[in-house]
Every structure is written in structure tokens, then in C-alpha cells.
Amino acid sequence: MTFEQIRERAYELWERNHRPEGFEIEFWLLAERELRKERDRRKADEAPTPPRSDPPPG
């Protein structure tokens, strides 16, 4: 996640919320959280799943 990605997301959030004054830090932090969550979700989706071990018949 780069500075530019965070800046762009924060700006999008700010615009979607009708450009309120004085909330720059809140939108920046929200953008960071969203991007981090998306990155973590992608990593989890890309992670290989361990092979299933079925219980022995019994």
C-alpha cells in the first residue's frame, strides 16, 4: 500500500461524503483501514489451503 493509494482512497471517501471540512485525518485513517483490509483479504484468498485429512474409517 503506497502513499499515493491512500491519498486517492481518502480523496474518494471525502468526495463521497460531500467534502466536509476538517476531517482529513479521519478520511486518511479510514482509507488506510480499507486498503489494509482489502490487501489482507487478497492475501488470504491467494494462500494455499492445506490438504484436508479425512478421519480414518472406523
N, C-alpha and C. Protein backbone atom coordinates (compact mmCIF):
# COMPACT_ATOMS: atom_id res chain seq x y z
N MET A 1 0.86 -1.16 0.00
CA MET A 1 0.00 0.00 0.00
C MET A 1 0.92 1.23 0.00
N THR A 2 0.71 2.08 -0.97
CA THR A 2 1.57 3.26 -1.13
C THR A 2 0.87 4.52 -0.63
N PHE A 3 1.67 5.54 -0.42
CA PHE A 3 1.16 6.85 -0.03
C PHE A 3 0.11 7.32 -1.05
N GLU A 4 0.41 7.13 -2.32
CA GLU A 4 -0.50 7.58 -3.39
C GLU A 4 -1.83 6.83 -3.34
N GLN A 5 -1.80 5.52 -3.08
CA GLN A 5 -3.04 4.74 -2.99
C GLN A 5 -3.90 5.24 -1.83
N ILE A 6 -3.26 5.50 -0.71
CA ILE A 6 -4.01 6.00 0.46
C ILE A 6 -4.59 7.37 0.15
N ARG A 7 -3.79 8.23 -0.46
CA ARG A 7 -4.25 9.58 -0.79
C ARG A 7 -5.46 9.53 -1.72
N GLU A 8 -5.39 8.68 -2.75
CA GLU A 8 -6.51 8.58 -3.69
C GLU A 8 -7.77 8.05 -3.01
N ARG A 9 -7.62 7.02 -2.17
CA ARG A 9 -8.80 6.47 -1.48
C ARG A 9 -9.38 7.50 -0.52
N ALA A 10 -8.52 8.20 0.22
CA ALA A 10 -9.01 9.21 1.15
C ALA A 10 -9.78 10.30 0.41
N TYR A 11 -9.28 10.70 -0.75
CA TYR A 11 -9.95 11.73 -1.54
C TYR A 11 -11.32 11.22 -2.02
N GLU A 12 -11.37 9.97 -2.47
CA GLU A 12 -12.65 9.39 -2.91
C GLU A 12 -13.66 9.38 -1.76
N LEU A 13 -13.20 8.96 -0.59
CA LEU A 13 -14.09 8.92 0.57
C LEU A 13 -14.57 10.33 0.93
N TRP A 14 -13.67 11.28 0.90
CA TRP A 14 -14.01 12.66 1.21
C TRP A 14 -15.06 13.19 0.23
N GLU A 15 -14.87 12.91 -1.06
CA GLU A 15 -15.84 13.37 -2.06
C GLU A 15 -17.19 12.70 -1.87
N ARG A 16 -17.19 11.38 -1.62
CA ARG A 16 -18.44 10.64 -1.43
C ARG A 16 -19.23 11.17 -0.23
N ASN A 17 -18.53 11.76 0.71
CA ASN A 17 -19.17 12.28 1.92
C ASN A 17 -19.41 13.78 1.84
N HIS A 18 -19.50 14.29 0.62
CA HIS A 18 -19.86 15.69 0.35
C HIS A 18 -18.82 16.69 0.82
N ARG A 19 -17.55 16.29 0.79
CA ARG A 19 -16.41 17.17 1.06
C ARG A 19 -16.48 17.96 2.36
N PRO A 20 -16.66 17.28 3.48
CA PRO A 20 -16.71 18.02 4.74
C PRO A 20 -15.36 18.61 5.11
N GLU A 21 -15.37 19.75 5.71
CA GLU A 21 -14.12 20.42 6.13
C GLU A 21 -13.66 19.86 7.47
N GLY A 22 -12.35 19.74 7.64
CA GLY A 22 -11.79 19.38 8.93
C GLY A 22 -11.74 17.90 9.25
N PHE A 23 -11.95 17.03 8.26
CA PHE A 23 -11.95 15.59 8.52
C PHE A 23 -10.86 14.86 7.75
N GLU A 24 -9.80 15.56 7.41
CA GLU A 24 -8.74 14.98 6.60
C GLU A 24 -8.13 13.74 7.25
N ILE A 25 -7.83 13.85 8.53
CA ILE A 25 -7.19 12.73 9.23
C ILE A 25 -8.13 11.53 9.30
N GLU A 26 -9.40 11.76 9.58
CA GLU A 26 -10.36 10.66 9.66
C GLU A 26 -10.46 9.92 8.33
N PHE A 27 -10.52 10.68 7.21
CA PHE A 27 -10.62 10.02 5.91
C PHE A 27 -9.32 9.30 5.56
N TRP A 28 -8.19 9.87 5.95
CA TRP A 28 -6.90 9.22 5.70
C TRP A 28 -6.84 7.88 6.45
N LEU A 29 -7.22 7.89 7.72
CA LEU A 29 -7.18 6.66 8.51
C LEU A 29 -8.18 5.62 8.00
N LEU A 30 -9.34 6.08 7.60
CA LEU A 30 -10.34 5.17 7.03
C LEU A 30 -9.82 4.55 5.74
N ALA A 31 -9.19 5.35 4.91
CA ALA A 31 -8.62 4.84 3.66
C ALA A 31 -7.56 3.79 3.95
N GLU A 32 -6.70 4.05 4.92
CA GLU A 32 -5.67 3.07 5.30
C GLU A 32 -6.31 1.76 5.76
N ARG A 33 -7.34 1.86 6.60
CA ARG A 33 -8.01 0.65 7.09
C ARG A 33 -8.63 -0.14 5.95
N GLU A 34 -9.32 0.55 5.05
CA GLU A 34 -9.97 -0.13 3.93
C GLU A 34 -8.94 -0.84 3.05
N LEU A 35 -7.88 -0.12 2.72
CA LEU A 35 -6.85 -0.71 1.86
C LEU A 35 -6.16 -1.89 2.53
N ARG A 36 -5.89 -1.77 3.82
CA ARG A 36 -5.26 -2.87 4.56
C ARG A 36 -6.18 -4.10 4.58
N LYS A 37 -7.48 -3.87 4.79
CA LYS A 37 -8.44 -4.96 4.83
C LYS A 37 -8.51 -5.65 3.45
N GLU A 38 -8.53 -4.86 2.39
CA GLU A 38 -8.56 -5.42 1.04
C GLU A 38 -7.29 -6.23 0.76
N ARG A 39 -6.14 -5.69 1.18
CA ARG A 39 -4.87 -6.39 0.97
C ARG A 39 -4.86 -7.71 1.75
N ASP A 40 -5.31 -7.69 2.99
CA ASP A 40 -5.33 -8.91 3.80
C ASP A 40 -6.29 -9.94 3.22
N ARG A 41 -7.42 -9.47 2.71
CA ARG A 41 -8.39 -10.39 2.10
C ARG A 41 -7.79 -11.06 0.86
N ARG A 42 -7.08 -10.26 0.05
CA ARG A 42 -6.44 -10.82 -1.15
C ARG A 42 -5.39 -11.86 -0.77
N LYS A 43 -4.60 -11.54 0.25
CA LYS A 43 -3.57 -12.49 0.70
C LYS A 43 -4.21 -13.79 1.17
N ALA A 44 -5.31 -13.68 1.91
CA ALA A 44 -5.99 -14.88 2.41
C ALA A 44 -6.55 -15.70 1.25
N ASP A 45 -7.07 -15.02 0.23
CA ASP A 45 -7.62 -15.73 -0.92
C ASP A 45 -6.53 -16.42 -1.72
N GLU A 46 -5.32 -15.83 -1.74
CA GLU A 46 -4.23 -16.38 -2.53
C GLU A 46 -3.47 -17.48 -1.78
N ALA A 47 -3.62 -17.53 -0.47
CA ALA A 47 -2.88 -18.51 0.34
C ALA A 47 -3.33 -19.92 -0.01
N PRO A 48 -2.38 -20.82 -0.18
CA PRO A 48 -2.77 -22.20 -0.47
C PRO A 48 -3.47 -22.81 0.73
N THR A 49 -4.49 -23.57 0.46
CA THR A 49 -5.21 -24.22 1.55
C THR A 49 -4.52 -25.53 1.87
N PRO A 50 -4.35 -25.83 3.14
CA PRO A 50 -3.70 -27.09 3.50
C PRO A 50 -4.56 -28.27 3.09
N PRO A 51 -3.94 -29.39 2.75
CA PRO A 51 -4.74 -30.55 2.35
C PRO A 51 -5.59 -31.05 3.51
N ARG A 52 -6.78 -31.47 3.18
CA ARG A 52 -7.69 -31.99 4.20
C ARG A 52 -7.27 -33.39 4.58
N SER A 53 -7.32 -33.67 5.83
CA SER A 53 -7.06 -35.05 6.24
C SER A 53 -8.38 -35.61 6.78
N ASP A 54 -8.88 -36.57 6.06
CA ASP A 54 -10.13 -37.20 6.48
C ASP A 54 -9.85 -38.15 7.63
N PRO A 55 -10.77 -38.26 8.55
CA PRO A 55 -10.56 -39.20 9.66
C PRO A 55 -10.53 -40.63 9.13
N PRO A 56 -9.77 -41.49 9.78
CA PRO A 56 -9.71 -42.89 9.30
C PRO A 56 -11.08 -43.54 9.42
N PRO A 57 -11.39 -44.44 8.48
CA PRO A 57 -12.70 -45.12 8.57
C PRO A 57 -12.76 -45.95 9.85
N GLY A 58 -13.90 -45.95 10.41
CA GLY A 58 -13.91 -46.70 11.64
C GLY A 58 -15.20 -47.09 12.05
